[in-house]
Each structure stands twice: as structure tokens, then as C-alpha cells.
Amino acid sequence: MAVIQENDCNLSTPLVTFRRMKLAVFVSGRGTNLLNIINKINDGFLRSEIALVISNHDCEAIESSMRAGIQSVIVDPKDFPGEVEFGNSLLRTLNEARVDLIVLAGYLKKIPDAVVSKFKNKILNIHPALLPSFGGKGMYGMKVHQAVIDYGCKVSGATVHLVDAEYDRGPVVLQRCVPVDSGDTPEDLAAKIHQLEYQLLPEAIELFENNKVKVEGRKVQILRS
């Protein structure tokens, strides 16, 4: 997000500064991916700032974000008569924080259609499997890893994808795999895939920071130049 500003000293070359991209991170659990994003911002890998953390209920991730001094809110769909009202409340909150990119980091509720439409191709989700396999409603956490093992898969992995109106069906941005070893438990597989998640999600955010993502239908092109 480059912003061109004229140099006060009247030099021939203008100064180029960068407006920090504002993130809203949605969480529902412990928030390990949230903490990893915070660390990546602190160590300079990411230039973004977390403007807002949103959860559907009080959880460990909300407590961690509040300790870090990040604006944190609970917007529970149960508090609204329907999806439209829930979506409108989310949109008001996101607009007030001037959010550029939404990152779902272990968020277990469906994003309302109005939010998906407003932030088209600007919502990232991390899923602990190689989509389109082992995704969809109800497939999260240890349920995914148990299903992968039960099926007899030799590899699994993590996927960062764009969010659309269906669970885990949006275009894939990044994927990486790990072997499923004989004797792996769901907990063993989760530990491997968490390490992939800690790599992939910041990498995907960094691509958006640098305007390196081009979406054409279901295909996501990473611009390397």
C-alpha cells in the first residue's frame, strides 16, 4: 500500500511511504495463529497492524489480544434475530476500524453473506487440511485430523484460501503438505500442521500487503515480479 508524498526538500524523487494495512482477525479458541501474527508484526516480517480482534464468544484469544492492547470485541450471532442483523453489526464494527483485510484464525462461525460481499477476495481463512479434501461444515480441529488418518491418507497439510459463501470452498491462495506417518495420532498430525499454519498465514498476509495476489475466478495467481 504505497502512498506517494512530495519531499519537503524539493528533491526530484518523491518519497514513498507505506500505509500499514489494517487487519481484523477473527478467532474462536486459543488464538495461537493470532499470537503468531502478532509476533510476525513485532519482528518486522509483516507491516500490517491488527486493528481489531473479533470473536463470537469470550475465549483465550480475546484475553490474549486485550493483554496486547489490541481492540477486541465479541459479536455473537446468538444475540441477533438473523444473519442479516449479525452481518450488519459486523460490517459496522469493521468499517469503524477501517479494516482492509479479514483473517480467520480459528474462527468457527460462518461469515455472513453481506460481509463476504463487502470484502470480496479480502477474507483469508486457514484450514488444517489440503482442500478441497476434508473441508466443509463441522470439519475443524481434531475432527479433520482424525478423518485424514481414518481415510488412510499419506499426506495432509494446511491451506490458506479466500472465503466465499460456502464453507472451505473459496479459491486457494497457498498450500503446503506434511507426511502422515504410520502410527500418527490426531494430536501428532495437528502438531505438524500447526507449524505449517504458522508459516503460511503470515506469508499470505504479506502477499496482500505487497499487492501480489490476482484472483481470476477460482484461480489465484501470485505475482512474483
C-alpha atoms as a PDB file:
ATOM      1  CA  MET A   1       0.000   0.000   0.000  1.00  0.00           C
ATOM      2  CA  ALA A   2       2.313   2.667  -1.279  1.00  0.00           C
ATOM      3  CA  VAL A   3       1.468   6.320  -0.735  1.00  0.00           C
ATOM      4  CA  ILE A   4       3.469   8.895  -2.738  1.00  0.00           C
ATOM      5  CA  GLN A   5       4.344  12.056  -0.856  1.00  0.00           C
ATOM      6  CA  GLU A   6       6.280  15.072  -2.104  1.00  0.00           C
ATOM      7  CA  ASN A   7       9.588  15.679  -0.379  1.00  0.00           C
ATOM      8  CA  ASP A   8       9.675  18.861   1.716  1.00  0.00           C
ATOM      9  CA  CYS A   9      13.244  19.456   0.494  1.00  0.00           C
ATOM     10  CA  ASN A  10      12.095  19.676  -3.147  1.00  0.00           C
ATOM     11  CA  LEU A  11      14.251  16.752  -4.259  1.00  0.00           C
ATOM     12  CA  SER A  12      13.500  15.437  -7.739  1.00  0.00           C
ATOM     13  CA  THR A  13      12.435  11.997  -6.439  1.00  0.00           C
ATOM     14  CA  PRO A  14       9.267  11.803  -4.319  1.00  0.00           C
ATOM     15  CA  LEU A  15       9.282   9.908  -1.050  1.00  0.00           C
ATOM     16  CA  VAL A  16       7.409   6.625  -0.932  1.00  0.00           C
ATOM     17  CA  THR A  17       5.798   5.688   2.357  1.00  0.00           C
ATOM     18  CA  PHE A  18       3.538   2.811   3.207  1.00  0.00           C
ATOM     19  CA  ARG A  19       0.212   2.916   4.980  1.00  0.00           C
ATOM     20  CA  ARG A  20       0.045  -0.060   7.257  1.00  0.00           C
ATOM     21  CA  MET A  21      -2.685  -2.464   6.173  1.00  0.00           C
ATOM     22  CA  LYS A  22      -5.334  -2.823   8.846  1.00  0.00           C
ATOM     23  CA  LEU A  23      -6.284  -6.372   9.780  1.00  0.00           C
ATOM     24  CA  ALA A  24      -9.311  -7.763  11.561  1.00  0.00           C
ATOM     25  CA  VAL A  25      -8.517 -11.183  12.997  1.00  0.00           C
ATOM     26  CA  PHE A  26     -11.497 -13.420  13.771  1.00  0.00           C
ATOM     27  CA  VAL A  27     -10.968 -16.075  16.457  1.00  0.00           C
ATOM     28  CA  SER A  28     -12.927 -18.618  18.462  1.00  0.00           C
ATOM     29  CA  GLY A  29     -10.346 -20.503  20.526  1.00  0.00           C
ATOM     30  CA  ARG A  30      -6.843 -20.326  21.958  1.00  0.00           C
ATOM     31  CA  GLY A  31      -5.573 -17.903  19.330  1.00  0.00           C
ATOM     32  CA  THR A  32      -2.177 -19.462  18.572  1.00  0.00           C
ATOM     33  CA  ASN A  33      -2.323 -18.202  14.975  1.00  0.00           C
ATOM     34  CA  LEU A  34      -3.283 -14.758  16.264  1.00  0.00           C
ATOM     35  CA  LEU A  35      -0.266 -14.718  18.558  1.00  0.00           C
ATOM     36  CA  ASN A  36       1.921 -15.822  15.670  1.00  0.00           C
ATOM     37  CA  ILE A  37       0.659 -12.909  13.543  1.00  0.00           C
ATOM     38  CA  ILE A  38       1.385 -10.513  16.415  1.00  0.00           C
ATOM     39  CA  ASN A  39       4.916 -11.916  16.633  1.00  0.00           C
ATOM     40  CA  LYS A  40       5.409 -11.576  12.870  1.00  0.00           C
ATOM     41  CA  ILE A  41       4.386  -7.921  13.087  1.00  0.00           C
ATOM     42  CA  ASN A  42       6.677  -7.309  16.043  1.00  0.00           C
ATOM     43  CA  ASP A  43       9.687  -8.899  14.333  1.00  0.00           C
ATOM     44  CA  GLY A  44       9.120  -6.896  11.140  1.00  0.00           C
ATOM     45  CA  PHE A  45       8.088  -9.699   8.777  1.00  0.00           C
ATOM     46  CA  LEU A  46       4.653  -8.080   8.434  1.00  0.00           C
ATOM     47  CA  ARG A  47       3.999  -4.351   8.060  1.00  0.00           C
ATOM     48  CA  SER A  48       0.301  -4.660   8.864  1.00  0.00           C
ATOM     49  CA  GLU A  49      -1.348  -3.707  12.110  1.00  0.00           C
ATOM     50  CA  ILE A  50      -4.115  -5.616  13.838  1.00  0.00           C
ATOM     51  CA  ALA A  51      -6.835  -3.015  14.125  1.00  0.00           C
ATOM     52  CA  LEU A  52      -9.397  -5.358  15.603  1.00  0.00           C
ATOM     53  CA  VAL A  53      -9.874  -8.854  17.018  1.00  0.00           C
ATOM     54  CA  ILE A  54     -13.396 -10.277  16.814  1.00  0.00           C
ATOM     55  CA  SER A  55     -14.781 -13.417  18.415  1.00  0.00           C
ATOM     56  CA  ASN A  56     -18.195 -14.975  18.710  1.00  0.00           C
ATOM     57  CA  HIS A  57     -17.641 -15.559  22.443  1.00  0.00           C
ATOM     58  CA  ASP A  58     -15.247 -14.938  25.291  1.00  0.00           C
ATOM     59  CA  CYS A  59     -12.171 -17.087  24.714  1.00  0.00           C
ATOM     60  CA  GLU A  60      -8.454 -17.299  25.381  1.00  0.00           C
ATOM     61  CA  ALA A  61      -7.657 -15.471  22.127  1.00  0.00           C
ATOM     62  CA  ILE A  62      -9.715 -12.454  23.168  1.00  0.00           C
ATOM     63  CA  GLU A  63      -7.928 -12.335  26.500  1.00  0.00           C
ATOM     64  CA  SER A  64      -4.537 -12.509  24.744  1.00  0.00           C
ATOM     65  CA  SER A  65      -5.431  -9.704  22.354  1.00  0.00           C
ATOM     66  CA  MET A  66      -6.630  -7.486  25.175  1.00  0.00           C
ATOM     67  CA  ARG A  67      -3.360  -8.060  27.040  1.00  0.00           C
ATOM     68  CA  ALA A  68      -1.550  -6.997  23.866  1.00  0.00           C
ATOM     69  CA  GLY A  69      -3.529  -3.751  23.809  1.00  0.00           C
ATOM     70  CA  ILE A  70      -5.496  -4.640  20.671  1.00  0.00           C
ATOM     71  CA  GLN A  71      -9.114  -3.544  20.317  1.00  0.00           C
ATOM     72  CA  SER A  72     -11.165  -6.697  20.913  1.00  0.00           C
ATOM     73  CA  VAL A  73     -14.897  -7.239  20.631  1.00  0.00           C
ATOM     74  CA  ILE A  74     -17.363 -10.089  20.951  1.00  0.00           C
ATOM     75  CA  VAL A  75     -20.077 -10.214  18.307  1.00  0.00           C
ATOM     76  CA  ASP A  76     -22.176 -13.296  18.998  1.00  0.00           C
ATOM     77  CA  PRO A  77     -24.602 -14.376  16.261  1.00  0.00           C
ATOM     78  CA  LYS A  78     -26.894 -15.673  19.003  1.00  0.00           C
ATOM     79  CA  ASP A  79     -27.536 -12.073  20.036  1.00  0.00           C
ATOM     80  CA  PHE A  80     -29.226 -11.242  16.718  1.00  0.00           C
ATOM     81  CA  PRO A  81     -32.530 -12.371  15.206  1.00  0.00           C
ATOM     82  CA  GLY A  82     -30.864 -13.492  11.977  1.00  0.00           C
ATOM     83  CA  GLU A  83     -27.863 -13.452   9.674  1.00  0.00           C
ATOM     84  CA  VAL A  84     -28.734 -10.061   8.184  1.00  0.00           C
ATOM     85  CA  GLU A  85     -28.622  -8.306  11.558  1.00  0.00           C
ATOM     86  CA  PHE A  86     -25.474 -10.216  12.553  1.00  0.00           C
ATOM     87  CA  GLY A  87     -23.798  -9.239   9.292  1.00  0.00           C
ATOM     88  CA  ASN A  88     -24.784  -5.594   9.639  1.00  0.00           C
ATOM     89  CA  SER A  89     -23.298  -5.472  13.127  1.00  0.00           C
ATOM     90  CA  LEU A  90     -20.033  -6.974  11.886  1.00  0.00           C
ATOM     91  CA  LEU A  91     -19.891  -4.531   8.987  1.00  0.00           C
ATOM     92  CA  ARG A  92     -20.393  -1.528  11.283  1.00  0.00           C
ATOM     93  CA  THR A  93     -17.596  -2.740  13.534  1.00  0.00           C
ATOM     94  CA  LEU A  94     -15.246  -3.430  10.609  1.00  0.00           C
ATOM     95  CA  ASN A  95     -15.973  -0.108   8.932  1.00  0.00           C
ATOM     96  CA  GLU A  96     -15.392   1.838  12.142  1.00  0.00           C
ATOM     97  CA  ALA A  97     -11.953   0.204  12.410  1.00  0.00           C
ATOM     98  CA  ARG A  98     -11.233   0.907   8.695  1.00  0.00           C
ATOM     99  CA  VAL A  99     -10.287  -2.715   8.116  1.00  0.00           C
ATOM    100  CA  ASP A 100      -8.563  -3.652   4.831  1.00  0.00           C
ATOM    101  CA  LEU A 101      -8.217  -7.437   5.218  1.00  0.00           C
ATOM    102  CA  ILE A 102     -10.030 -10.007   7.351  1.00  0.00           C
ATOM    103  CA  VAL A 103      -8.088 -13.008   8.631  1.00  0.00           C
ATOM    104  CA  LEU A 104      -9.953 -16.000  10.038  1.00  0.00           C
ATOM    105  CA  ALA A 105      -7.590 -17.669  12.508  1.00  0.00           C
ATOM    106  CA  GLY A 106      -9.592 -20.484  14.042  1.00  0.00           C
ATOM    107  CA  TYR A 107     -12.987 -18.809  13.701  1.00  0.00           C
ATOM    108  CA  LEU A 108     -15.794 -21.375  13.843  1.00  0.00           C
ATOM    109  CA  LYS A 109     -18.793 -19.399  12.619  1.00  0.00           C
ATOM    110  CA  LYS A 110     -19.922 -18.803   9.051  1.00  0.00           C
ATOM    111  CA  ILE A 111     -19.208 -15.312   7.773  1.00  0.00           C
ATOM    112  CA  PRO A 112     -22.480 -13.604   6.741  1.00  0.00           C
ATOM    113  CA  ASP A 113     -23.016 -13.074   3.022  1.00  0.00           C
ATOM    114  CA  ALA A 114     -23.062  -9.281   3.395  1.00  0.00           C
ATOM    115  CA  VAL A 115     -19.540  -9.323   4.872  1.00  0.00           C
ATOM    116  CA  VAL A 116     -18.283 -11.730   2.197  1.00  0.00           C
ATOM    117  CA  SER A 117     -19.702  -9.425  -0.487  1.00  0.00           C
ATOM    118  CA  LYS A 118     -18.276  -6.254   1.031  1.00  0.00           C
ATOM    119  CA  PHE A 119     -14.827  -7.827   1.494  1.00  0.00           C
ATOM    120  CA  LYS A 120     -14.767  -9.903  -1.689  1.00  0.00           C
ATOM    121  CA  ASN A 121     -11.352 -11.564  -2.080  1.00  0.00           C
ATOM    122  CA  LYS A 122     -10.253  -9.789   1.105  1.00  0.00           C
ATOM    123  CA  ILE A 123     -11.035 -12.552   3.629  1.00  0.00           C
ATOM    124  CA  LEU A 124      -8.421 -15.225   4.343  1.00  0.00           C
ATOM    125  CA  ASN A 125      -9.029 -18.488   6.168  1.00  0.00           C
ATOM    126  CA  ILE A 126      -6.540 -21.111   7.351  1.00  0.00           C
ATOM    127  CA  HIS A 127      -7.730 -24.726   7.195  1.00  0.00           C
ATOM    128  CA  PRO A 128      -5.795 -27.703   8.640  1.00  0.00           C
ATOM    129  CA  ALA A 129      -6.026 -29.954   5.562  1.00  0.00           C
ATOM    130  CA  LEU A 130      -5.407 -29.918   1.837  1.00  0.00           C
ATOM    131  CA  LEU A 131      -8.637 -28.513   0.462  1.00  0.00           C
ATOM    132  CA  PRO A 132     -10.938 -29.418  -1.190  1.00  0.00           C
ATOM    133  CA  SER A 133     -10.499 -32.629   0.824  1.00  0.00           C
ATOM    134  CA  PHE A 134     -11.619 -32.756   4.461  1.00  0.00           C
ATOM    135  CA  GLY A 135     -13.361 -29.392   4.487  1.00  0.00           C
ATOM    136  CA  GLY A 136     -16.904 -28.164   4.938  1.00  0.00           C
ATOM    137  CA  LYS A 137     -19.281 -27.505   7.785  1.00  0.00           C
ATOM    138  CA  GLY A 138     -18.243 -29.206  11.012  1.00  0.00           C
ATOM    139  CA  MET A 139     -14.741 -30.056   9.780  1.00  0.00           C
ATOM    140  CA  TYR A 140     -12.351 -28.308  12.132  1.00  0.00           C
ATOM    141  CA  GLY A 141      -9.607 -29.111  14.617  1.00  0.00           C
ATOM    142  CA  MET A 142      -9.116 -32.722  15.626  1.00  0.00           C
ATOM    143  CA  LYS A 143     -12.127 -33.814  13.562  1.00  0.00           C
ATOM    144  CA  VAL A 144     -10.134 -33.022  10.436  1.00  0.00           C
ATOM    145  CA  HIS A 145      -7.003 -34.849  11.541  1.00  0.00           C
ATOM    146  CA  GLN A 146      -8.958 -37.912  12.678  1.00  0.00           C
ATOM    147  CA  ALA A 147     -10.738 -38.032   9.307  1.00  0.00           C
ATOM    148  CA  VAL A 148      -7.425 -37.814   7.428  1.00  0.00           C
ATOM    149  CA  ILE A 149      -5.965 -40.691   9.467  1.00  0.00           C
ATOM    150  CA  ASP A 150      -9.109 -42.813   9.193  1.00  0.00           C
ATOM    151  CA  TYR A 151      -9.084 -42.398   5.408  1.00  0.00           C
ATOM    152  CA  GLY A 152      -5.515 -43.660   5.229  1.00  0.00           C
ATOM    153  CA  CYS A 153      -4.018 -40.554   3.625  1.00  0.00           C
ATOM    154  CA  LYS A 154      -0.248 -40.482   3.194  1.00  0.00           C
ATOM    155  CA  VAL A 155      -0.053 -36.676   3.255  1.00  0.00           C
ATOM    156  CA  SER A 156      -2.004 -33.859   4.797  1.00  0.00           C
ATOM    157  CA  GLY A 157      -1.268 -30.201   5.213  1.00  0.00           C
ATOM    158  CA  ALA A 158      -2.616 -26.682   5.550  1.00  0.00           C
ATOM    159  CA  THR A 159      -4.482 -24.426   3.144  1.00  0.00           C
ATOM    160  CA  VAL A 160      -4.929 -20.665   3.101  1.00  0.00           C
ATOM    161  CA  HIS A 161      -7.925 -19.785   0.956  1.00  0.00           C
ATOM    162  CA  LEU A 162     -10.203 -16.893   0.193  1.00  0.00           C
ATOM    163  CA  VAL A 163     -13.621 -17.039   1.805  1.00  0.00           C
ATOM    164  CA  ASP A 164     -16.797 -17.191  -0.232  1.00  0.00           C
ATOM    165  CA  ALA A 165     -20.391 -18.085   0.609  1.00  0.00           C
ATOM    166  CA  GLU A 166     -19.620 -21.794   1.250  1.00  0.00           C
ATOM    167  CA  TYR A 167     -17.542 -23.390   3.990  1.00  0.00           C
ATOM    168  CA  ASP A 168     -13.947 -24.021   2.828  1.00  0.00           C
ATOM    169  CA  ARG A 169     -14.781 -23.626  -0.885  1.00  0.00           C
ATOM    170  CA  GLY A 170     -13.093 -20.337  -1.785  1.00  0.00           C
ATOM    171  CA  PRO A 171     -10.077 -20.091  -4.113  1.00  0.00           C
ATOM    172  CA  VAL A 172      -6.810 -21.472  -2.736  1.00  0.00           C
ATOM    173  CA  VAL A 173      -4.017 -18.953  -2.081  1.00  0.00           C
ATOM    174  CA  LEU A 174      -1.321 -21.171  -0.546  1.00  0.00           C
ATOM    175  CA  GLN A 175      -0.948 -24.840   0.385  1.00  0.00           C
ATOM    176  CA  ARG A 176       1.812 -26.921   1.925  1.00  0.00           C
ATOM    177  CA  CYS A 177       1.902 -30.572   2.925  1.00  0.00           C
ATOM    178  CA  VAL A 178       3.413 -32.882   5.533  1.00  0.00           C
ATOM    179  CA  PRO A 179       3.608 -36.698   5.614  1.00  0.00           C
ATOM    180  CA  VAL A 180       1.116 -38.694   7.624  1.00  0.00           C
ATOM    181  CA  ASP A 181       3.365 -41.248   9.300  1.00  0.00           C
ATOM    182  CA  SER A 182       2.334 -44.702  10.374  1.00  0.00           C
ATOM    183  CA  GLY A 183       1.153 -44.516  13.965  1.00  0.00           C
ATOM    184  CA  ASP A 184       0.415 -40.784  13.877  1.00  0.00           C
ATOM    185  CA  THR A 185      -2.356 -39.743  16.237  1.00  0.00           C
ATOM    186  CA  PRO A 186      -4.606 -36.760  15.510  1.00  0.00           C
ATOM    187  CA  GLU A 187      -2.542 -34.843  18.056  1.00  0.00           C
ATOM    188  CA  ASP A 188       0.704 -35.748  16.231  1.00  0.00           C
ATOM    189  CA  LEU A 189      -0.718 -34.582  12.926  1.00  0.00           C
ATOM    190  CA  ALA A 190      -2.087 -31.404  14.481  1.00  0.00           C
ATOM    191  CA  ALA A 191       1.366 -30.528  15.833  1.00  0.00           C
ATOM    192  CA  LYS A 192       2.912 -30.896  12.370  1.00  0.00           C
ATOM    193  CA  ILE A 193       0.212 -28.868  10.664  1.00  0.00           C
ATOM    194  CA  HIS A 194       0.280 -26.090  13.249  1.00  0.00           C
ATOM    195  CA  GLN A 195       3.861 -25.432  12.200  1.00  0.00           C
ATOM    196  CA  LEU A 196       2.714 -25.103   8.583  1.00  0.00           C
ATOM    197  CA  GLU A 197      -0.062 -22.729   9.623  1.00  0.00           C
ATOM    198  CA  TYR A 198       2.460 -20.503  11.387  1.00  0.00           C
ATOM    199  CA  GLN A 199       4.353 -20.221   8.082  1.00  0.00           C
ATOM    200  CA  LEU A 200       1.500 -19.991   5.587  1.00  0.00           C
ATOM    201  CA  LEU A 201      -0.852 -17.468   7.169  1.00  0.00           C
ATOM    202  CA  PRO A 202       1.757 -14.703   7.598  1.00  0.00           C
ATOM    203  CA  GLU A 203       3.058 -15.455   4.095  1.00  0.00           C
ATOM    204  CA  ALA A 204      -0.432 -14.974   2.674  1.00  0.00           C
ATOM    205  CA  ILE A 205      -0.908 -11.699   4.566  1.00  0.00           C
ATOM    206  CA  GLU A 206       2.455 -10.493   3.273  1.00  0.00           C
ATOM    207  CA  LEU A 207       1.337 -11.205  -0.301  1.00  0.00           C
ATOM    208  CA  PHE A 208      -1.681  -8.943   0.212  1.00  0.00           C
ATOM    209  CA  GLU A 209       0.494  -6.258   1.792  1.00  0.00           C
ATOM    210  CA  ASN A 210       2.514  -6.151  -1.413  1.00  0.00           C
ATOM    211  CA  ASN A 211      -0.434  -6.424  -3.830  1.00  0.00           C
ATOM    212  CA  LYS A 212       0.866  -9.722  -5.187  1.00  0.00           C
ATOM    213  CA  VAL A 213      -2.468 -11.570  -5.338  1.00  0.00           C
ATOM    214  CA  LYS A 214      -4.512 -11.651  -8.532  1.00  0.00           C
ATOM    215  CA  VAL A 215      -7.824 -13.539  -8.492  1.00  0.00           C
ATOM    216  CA  GLU A 216      -9.488 -14.753 -11.668  1.00  0.00           C
ATOM    217  CA  GLY A 217     -12.469 -16.959 -10.943  1.00  0.00           C
ATOM    218  CA  ARG A 218     -11.238 -19.870  -8.864  1.00  0.00           C
ATOM    219  CA  LYS A 219      -7.598 -19.307  -9.745  1.00  0.00           C
ATOM    220  CA  VAL A 220      -5.278 -17.256  -7.568  1.00  0.00           C
ATOM    221  CA  GLN A 221      -2.124 -16.027  -9.267  1.00  0.00           C
ATOM    222  CA  ILE A 222       0.824 -14.993  -7.108  1.00  0.00           C
ATOM    223  CA  LEU A 223       2.630 -12.107  -8.773  1.00  0.00           C
ATOM    224  CA  ARG A 224       6.357 -12.600  -8.250  1.00  0.00           C
ATOM    225  CA  SER A 225       7.738  -9.509 -10.012  1.00  0.00           C
END
